Amino acid sequence: MTTSKTRSSGRSARRPWLRSTVKVLLLAVVAGAMLHVAGGVRAASDRSVAGTIVSQVTASDCTSPIGLCTAGEFRGGIQGSFEFRATSITPSADSPATGIVFYTGDLTVHTKDGDLIVKDAGVVKSTGGDVASVSTIVGGTASLAQASGSIRISGTFQAGCVDCKYEGRLAVP
């Protein structure tokens, strides 16, 4: 009896790292499996989107605190009519020389699957011309209620978005 106890306790005393190593490996396997499953779910609902945007400045029903709204259409990976409501325009120290101002705004795209709610932040040449922005998808309605992602918009702004393109990612759980 003493021999088996000694042998058993001797093994534990000689390999204290074994139990902690097994735990770490088990956690790594479980975590890897969970990431693989989550990655599979993400891949099924996360997709690249790209297309064009056409819009024009509109005064009807404009609720912008600074009086700038546009309306138009998304075509391509995201399809539907939209309204944009500027929430701020901020010049920089270089604006007098460059004509570039920063803006933020709220964008709602009406698709066949529901509305996408988007926060837009960008730069525009105030005299007309180049526009570029990063638009963060923060939610939506109907089947797009938990939508997320980000798109980049670039093009020409002349009383609206002409020759504008977008690309990015849209995730819908």
Protein backbone atom coordinates (compact mmCIF):
# COMPACT_ATOMS: atom_id res chain seq x y z
CA MET A 1 0.00 0.00 0.00
CA THR A 2 2.71 2.40 0.92
CA THR A 3 4.45 1.71 -2.37
CA SER A 4 1.43 2.60 -4.51
CA LYS A 5 0.76 5.76 -2.49
CA THR A 6 4.35 6.79 -2.85
CA ARG A 7 4.36 5.98 -6.51
CA SER A 8 1.11 7.88 -7.08
CA SER A 9 2.13 10.89 -5.05
CA GLY A 10 5.63 10.72 -6.50
CA ARG A 11 4.25 11.10 -10.01
CA SER A 12 2.24 14.18 -9.03
CA ALA A 13 5.22 15.67 -7.28
CA ARG A 14 7.45 15.11 -10.30
CA ARG A 15 4.94 16.48 -12.89
CA PRO A 16 3.02 19.42 -11.42
CA TRP A 17 3.11 21.07 -14.85
CA LEU A 18 1.12 18.22 -16.43
CA ARG A 19 -2.25 19.15 -14.92
CA SER A 20 -1.88 22.87 -15.79
CA THR A 21 -0.65 22.02 -19.30
CA VAL A 22 -3.66 19.81 -19.94
CA LYS A 23 -5.98 22.59 -18.75
CA VAL A 24 -4.32 25.14 -21.03
CA LEU A 25 -4.50 22.79 -24.03
CA LEU A 26 -8.16 22.02 -23.33
CA LEU A 27 -8.97 25.74 -23.10
CA ALA A 28 -7.09 26.39 -26.34
CA VAL A 29 -9.03 23.67 -28.16
CA VAL A 30 -12.38 24.97 -26.85
CA ALA A 31 -11.50 28.58 -27.66
CA GLY A 32 -10.34 27.59 -31.15
CA ALA A 33 -13.56 25.69 -31.77
CA MET A 34 -15.61 28.67 -30.61
CA LEU A 35 -13.66 31.05 -32.86
CA HIS A 36 -14.09 28.70 -35.79
CA VAL A 37 -17.85 28.53 -35.25
CA ALA A 38 -18.09 32.31 -34.72
CA GLY A 39 -15.97 32.88 -37.81
CA GLY A 40 -18.31 30.66 -39.80
CA VAL A 41 -21.33 32.61 -38.63
CA ARG A 42 -19.61 35.91 -39.35
CA ALA A 43 -18.57 34.81 -42.82
CA ALA A 44 -22.16 33.83 -43.65
CA SER A 45 -23.49 37.29 -42.71
CA ASP A 46 -20.53 39.57 -43.45
CA ARG A 47 -20.06 40.54 -47.09
CA SER A 48 -18.24 43.01 -49.28
CA VAL A 49 -20.40 45.68 -50.89
CA ALA A 50 -19.62 48.10 -53.68
CA GLY A 51 -21.55 50.29 -56.06
CA THR A 52 -22.50 53.82 -57.03
CA ILE A 53 -24.44 56.67 -55.44
CA VAL A 54 -26.40 59.41 -57.16
CA SER A 55 -27.96 62.24 -55.14
CA GLN A 56 -28.99 65.87 -55.20
CA VAL A 57 -29.38 68.58 -52.59
CA THR A 58 -32.95 68.82 -51.39
CA ALA A 59 -34.77 71.46 -49.36
CA SER A 60 -38.08 69.62 -48.97
CA ASP A 61 -38.52 68.07 -45.52
CA CYS A 62 -34.90 68.89 -44.61
CA THR A 63 -34.47 68.54 -40.83
CA SER A 64 -30.73 69.21 -40.80
CA PRO A 65 -29.63 71.58 -38.01
CA ILE A 66 -27.41 73.31 -40.59
CA GLY A 67 -29.87 73.19 -43.50
CA LEU A 68 -28.08 70.66 -45.74
CA CYS A 69 -29.90 67.54 -46.92
CA THR A 70 -29.51 65.29 -49.95
CA ALA A 71 -31.62 62.47 -51.36
CA GLY A 72 -30.80 59.87 -53.95
CA GLU A 73 -30.13 56.25 -54.67
CA PHE A 74 -27.60 53.56 -53.77
CA ARG A 75 -26.94 51.05 -56.58
CA GLY A 76 -24.91 47.85 -56.40
CA GLY A 77 -24.30 45.74 -53.29
CA ILE A 78 -26.59 48.04 -51.30
CA GLN A 79 -29.69 49.07 -53.27
CA GLY A 80 -32.33 51.60 -52.36
CA SER A 81 -33.30 55.22 -52.04
CA PHE A 82 -31.76 57.31 -49.27
CA GLU A 83 -31.86 60.58 -47.40
CA PHE A 84 -28.85 62.33 -45.88
CA ARG A 85 -29.09 65.00 -43.17
CA ALA A 86 -25.89 66.92 -42.34
CA THR A 87 -25.39 67.40 -38.59
CA SER A 88 -22.21 69.50 -38.65
CA ILE A 89 -19.78 71.30 -40.95
CA THR A 90 -16.44 72.26 -39.48
CA PRO A 91 -13.72 74.21 -41.26
CA SER A 92 -10.07 73.66 -40.44
CA ALA A 93 -7.21 76.14 -40.17
CA ASP A 94 -6.41 75.24 -43.80
CA SER A 95 -9.96 75.67 -45.17
CA PRO A 96 -9.34 79.20 -46.50
CA ALA A 97 -6.48 77.90 -48.63
CA THR A 98 -7.90 74.48 -49.60
CA GLY A 99 -11.68 74.93 -49.53
CA ILE A 100 -11.88 71.61 -47.65
CA VAL A 101 -14.35 71.32 -44.75
CA PHE A 102 -15.23 68.40 -42.50
CA TYR A 103 -18.81 67.22 -42.12
CA THR A 104 -20.89 64.67 -40.24
CA GLY A 105 -24.39 63.48 -40.92
CA ASP A 106 -27.07 60.83 -40.71
CA LEU A 107 -27.88 58.65 -43.69
CA THR A 108 -30.88 56.32 -44.01
CA VAL A 109 -30.95 53.86 -46.91
CA HIS A 110 -34.36 52.29 -47.66
CA THR A 111 -33.74 48.77 -49.02
CA LYS A 112 -36.22 45.96 -49.77
CA ASP A 113 -35.02 44.25 -46.55
CA GLY A 114 -35.47 47.29 -44.28
CA ASP A 115 -33.66 50.54 -43.58
CA LEU A 116 -29.92 50.85 -42.95
CA ILE A 117 -29.00 53.52 -40.37
CA VAL A 118 -25.61 55.07 -41.12
CA LYS A 119 -23.40 57.72 -39.46
CA ASP A 120 -21.33 59.52 -42.08
CA ALA A 121 -18.14 61.55 -41.51
CA GLY A 122 -16.13 63.05 -44.29
CA VAL A 123 -14.52 65.92 -46.13
CA VAL A 124 -15.80 67.94 -49.05
CA LYS A 125 -14.40 70.75 -51.14
CA SER A 126 -16.77 73.59 -50.21
CA THR A 127 -16.53 75.17 -53.67
CA GLY A 128 -17.75 71.92 -55.24
CA GLY A 129 -15.64 68.99 -56.26
CA ASP A 130 -14.10 66.14 -54.34
CA VAL A 131 -15.91 64.36 -51.50
CA ALA A 132 -14.73 61.41 -49.40
CA SER A 133 -16.17 59.83 -46.27
CA VAL A 134 -16.22 56.89 -43.93
CA SER A 135 -19.77 55.79 -43.21
CA THR A 136 -20.42 53.55 -40.21
CA ILE A 137 -23.49 51.31 -40.34
CA VAL A 138 -24.94 51.47 -36.82
CA GLY A 139 -28.17 49.51 -37.23
CA GLY A 140 -31.38 49.33 -39.16
CA THR A 141 -34.96 48.14 -39.24
CA ALA A 142 -36.70 44.85 -40.05
CA SER A 143 -34.14 42.18 -41.05
CA LEU A 144 -31.38 44.82 -40.94
CA ALA A 145 -32.07 45.74 -37.28
CA GLN A 146 -28.63 44.56 -36.10
CA ALA A 147 -26.69 45.49 -39.23
CA SER A 148 -23.14 46.79 -38.83
CA GLY A 149 -20.17 47.58 -41.00
CA SER A 150 -18.44 50.42 -42.73
CA ILE A 151 -18.34 51.83 -46.23
CA ARG A 152 -16.06 54.37 -47.87
CA ILE A 153 -17.62 56.88 -50.24
CA SER A 154 -15.71 58.99 -52.76
CA GLY A 155 -16.54 61.03 -55.79
CA THR A 156 -17.61 64.45 -56.95
CA PHE A 157 -20.07 66.72 -55.14
CA GLN A 158 -21.83 69.34 -57.29
CA ALA A 159 -25.22 70.11 -55.68
CA GLY A 160 -25.28 66.41 -54.88
CA CYS A 161 -23.18 63.32 -55.35
CA VAL A 162 -22.34 62.78 -59.01
CA ASP A 163 -19.94 60.07 -60.09
CA CYS A 164 -19.76 58.76 -56.48
CA LYS A 165 -18.67 55.24 -55.62
CA TYR A 166 -18.78 53.23 -52.40
CA GLU A 167 -17.12 50.09 -51.11
CA GLY A 168 -16.92 48.35 -47.77
CA ARG A 169 -18.47 45.63 -45.63
CA LEU A 170 -22.00 44.95 -44.45
CA ALA A 171 -22.68 42.46 -41.65
CA VAL A 172 -26.19 41.24 -40.87
CA PRO A 173 -26.61 38.65 -38.11
